[in-house]
Amino acid sequence: MKETGKTLLNDLFNLGDQATQIGYNLKNETKDYIKGKVESLISEMDLVTREEMEAWNERFVKLEEENSELKKKLTKLEKKTPKKETN
């Protein structure tokens, strides 16, 4: 009878171990599936990379600086230019 109890406990332990392994494998497969779907959806979108965004930001900053300088020059020129009177 003791052998039957040990065998039953061993079988239950093995069953629990197998269930844990199945759960672990299912988790990993689900994670990989979802990750693949998300990557697929993102690749279909028209998104820019981080490097492209940083390059655009740098260009934008330079253009803002140039625009500011041009505004200052325009203001100076407007001050120097005599105003015409209109009738």
C-alpha atoms as a PDB file:
ATOM      1  CA  MET A   1       0.000   0.000   0.000  1.00  0.00           C
ATOM      2  CA  LYS A   2       2.886   2.341   0.725  1.00  0.00           C
ATOM      3  CA  GLU A   3       4.190   1.870  -2.804  1.00  0.00           C
ATOM      4  CA  THR A   4       0.821   2.839  -4.218  1.00  0.00           C
ATOM      5  CA  GLY A   5       0.811   6.033  -2.142  1.00  0.00           C
ATOM      6  CA  LYS A   6       4.336   6.923  -3.288  1.00  0.00           C
ATOM      7  CA  THR A   7       3.455   6.196  -6.887  1.00  0.00           C
ATOM      8  CA  LEU A   8       0.323   8.315  -6.614  1.00  0.00           C
ATOM      9  CA  LEU A   9       2.297  11.194  -5.088  1.00  0.00           C
ATOM     10  CA  ASN A  10       4.977  10.867  -7.772  1.00  0.00           C
ATOM     11  CA  ASP A  11       2.297  10.858 -10.472  1.00  0.00           C
ATOM     12  CA  LEU A  12       0.656  13.940  -8.962  1.00  0.00           C
ATOM     13  CA  PHE A  13       4.018  15.667  -8.697  1.00  0.00           C
ATOM     14  CA  ASN A  14       4.814  14.832 -12.335  1.00  0.00           C
ATOM     15  CA  LEU A  15       1.368  16.016 -13.421  1.00  0.00           C
ATOM     16  CA  GLY A  16       1.857  19.302 -11.576  1.00  0.00           C
ATOM     17  CA  ASP A  17       5.324  19.682 -13.075  1.00  0.00           C
ATOM     18  CA  GLN A  18       3.955  19.063 -16.570  1.00  0.00           C
ATOM     19  CA  ALA A  19       1.118  21.545 -16.011  1.00  0.00           C
ATOM     20  CA  THR A  20       3.639  24.162 -14.877  1.00  0.00           C
ATOM     21  CA  GLN A  21       5.770  23.516 -17.953  1.00  0.00           C
ATOM     22  CA  ILE A  22       2.742  23.758 -20.247  1.00  0.00           C
ATOM     23  CA  GLY A  23       1.745  27.042 -18.616  1.00  0.00           C
ATOM     24  CA  TYR A  24       5.272  28.392 -19.025  1.00  0.00           C
ATOM     25  CA  ASN A  25       5.392  27.348 -22.691  1.00  0.00           C
ATOM     26  CA  LEU A  26       1.950  28.824 -23.333  1.00  0.00           C
ATOM     27  CA  LYS A  27       3.042  32.114 -21.766  1.00  0.00           C
ATOM     28  CA  ASN A  28       6.151  32.272 -23.953  1.00  0.00           C
ATOM     29  CA  GLU A  29       4.259  31.348 -27.123  1.00  0.00           C
ATOM     30  CA  THR A  30       1.560  33.933 -26.388  1.00  0.00           C
ATOM     31  CA  LYS A  31       4.182  36.585 -25.677  1.00  0.00           C
ATOM     32  CA  ASP A  32       6.027  35.793 -28.913  1.00  0.00           C
ATOM     33  CA  TYR A  33       2.777  35.781 -30.923  1.00  0.00           C
ATOM     34  CA  ILE A  34       1.655  39.153 -29.560  1.00  0.00           C
ATOM     35  CA  LYS A  35       5.120  40.647 -30.051  1.00  0.00           C
ATOM     36  CA  GLY A  36       5.128  39.443 -33.665  1.00  0.00           C
ATOM     37  CA  LYS A  37       1.676  40.903 -34.324  1.00  0.00           C
ATOM     38  CA  VAL A  38       2.611  44.271 -32.804  1.00  0.00           C
ATOM     39  CA  GLU A  39       5.854  44.406 -34.799  1.00  0.00           C
ATOM     40  CA  SER A  40       3.924  43.514 -37.954  1.00  0.00           C
ATOM     41  CA  LEU A  41       1.374  46.275 -37.347  1.00  0.00           C
ATOM     42  CA  ILE A  42       4.097  48.824 -36.612  1.00  0.00           C
ATOM     43  CA  SER A  43       6.020  47.885 -39.761  1.00  0.00           C
ATOM     44  CA  GLU A  44       2.877  48.521 -41.818  1.00  0.00           C
ATOM     45  CA  MET A  45       2.502  52.026 -40.387  1.00  0.00           C
ATOM     46  CA  ASP A  46       4.285  54.989 -41.888  1.00  0.00           C
ATOM     47  CA  LEU A  47       6.377  55.821 -38.823  1.00  0.00           C
ATOM     48  CA  VAL A  48       9.735  57.543 -38.632  1.00  0.00           C
ATOM     49  CA  THR A  49      12.711  56.179 -36.745  1.00  0.00           C
ATOM     50  CA  ARG A  50      14.166  57.905 -33.712  1.00  0.00           C
ATOM     51  CA  GLU A  51      17.176  58.955 -35.784  1.00  0.00           C
ATOM     52  CA  GLU A  52      14.970  60.533 -38.450  1.00  0.00           C
ATOM     53  CA  MET A  53      12.981  62.405 -35.798  1.00  0.00           C
ATOM     54  CA  GLU A  54      16.152  63.713 -34.153  1.00  0.00           C
ATOM     55  CA  ALA A  55      17.460  64.874 -37.544  1.00  0.00           C
ATOM     56  CA  TRP A  56      14.185  66.717 -38.229  1.00  0.00           C
ATOM     57  CA  ASN A  57      14.313  68.317 -34.793  1.00  0.00           C
ATOM     58  CA  GLU A  58      17.855  69.559 -35.458  1.00  0.00           C
ATOM     59  CA  ARG A  59      16.746  71.015 -38.794  1.00  0.00           C
ATOM     60  CA  PHE A  60      13.766  72.679 -37.130  1.00  0.00           C
ATOM     61  CA  VAL A  61      15.964  74.312 -34.479  1.00  0.00           C
ATOM     62  CA  LYS A  62      18.313  75.644 -37.172  1.00  0.00           C
ATOM     63  CA  LEU A  63      15.392  77.001 -39.198  1.00  0.00           C
ATOM     64  CA  GLU A  64      13.955  78.715 -36.122  1.00  0.00           C
ATOM     65  CA  GLU A  65      17.327  80.371 -35.488  1.00  0.00           C
ATOM     66  CA  GLU A  66      17.581  81.482 -39.120  1.00  0.00           C
ATOM     67  CA  ASN A  67      14.013  82.789 -39.031  1.00  0.00           C
ATOM     68  CA  SER A  68      14.741  84.775 -35.885  1.00  0.00           C
ATOM     69  CA  GLU A  69      17.835  86.323 -37.462  1.00  0.00           C
ATOM     70  CA  LEU A  70      15.916  87.217 -40.620  1.00  0.00           C
ATOM     71  CA  LYS A  71      13.182  88.864 -38.559  1.00  0.00           C
ATOM     72  CA  LYS A  72      15.798  90.971 -36.779  1.00  0.00           C
ATOM     73  CA  LYS A  73      17.351  92.005 -40.099  1.00  0.00           C
ATOM     74  CA  LEU A  74      13.946  92.840 -41.529  1.00  0.00           C
ATOM     75  CA  THR A  75      13.100  94.976 -38.510  1.00  0.00           C
ATOM     76  CA  LYS A  76      16.396  96.893 -38.891  1.00  0.00           C
ATOM     77  CA  LEU A  77      15.770  97.426 -42.609  1.00  0.00           C
ATOM     78  CA  GLU A  78      12.238  98.619 -41.974  1.00  0.00           C
ATOM     79  CA  LYS A  79      13.548 101.154 -39.470  1.00  0.00           C
ATOM     80  CA  LYS A  80      16.136 102.431 -41.942  1.00  0.00           C
ATOM     81  CA  THR A  81      13.707 102.673 -44.856  1.00  0.00           C
ATOM     82  CA  PRO A  82      11.786 105.942 -45.046  1.00  0.00           C
ATOM     83  CA  LYS A  83       8.053 105.479 -45.038  1.00  0.00           C
ATOM     84  CA  LYS A  84       6.109 106.629 -48.061  1.00  0.00           C
ATOM     85  CA  GLU A  85       2.957 108.583 -47.585  1.00  0.00           C
ATOM     86  CA  THR A  86      -0.028 107.343 -49.512  1.00  0.00           C
ATOM     87  CA  ASN A  87      -2.854 109.641 -50.728  1.00  0.00           C
END
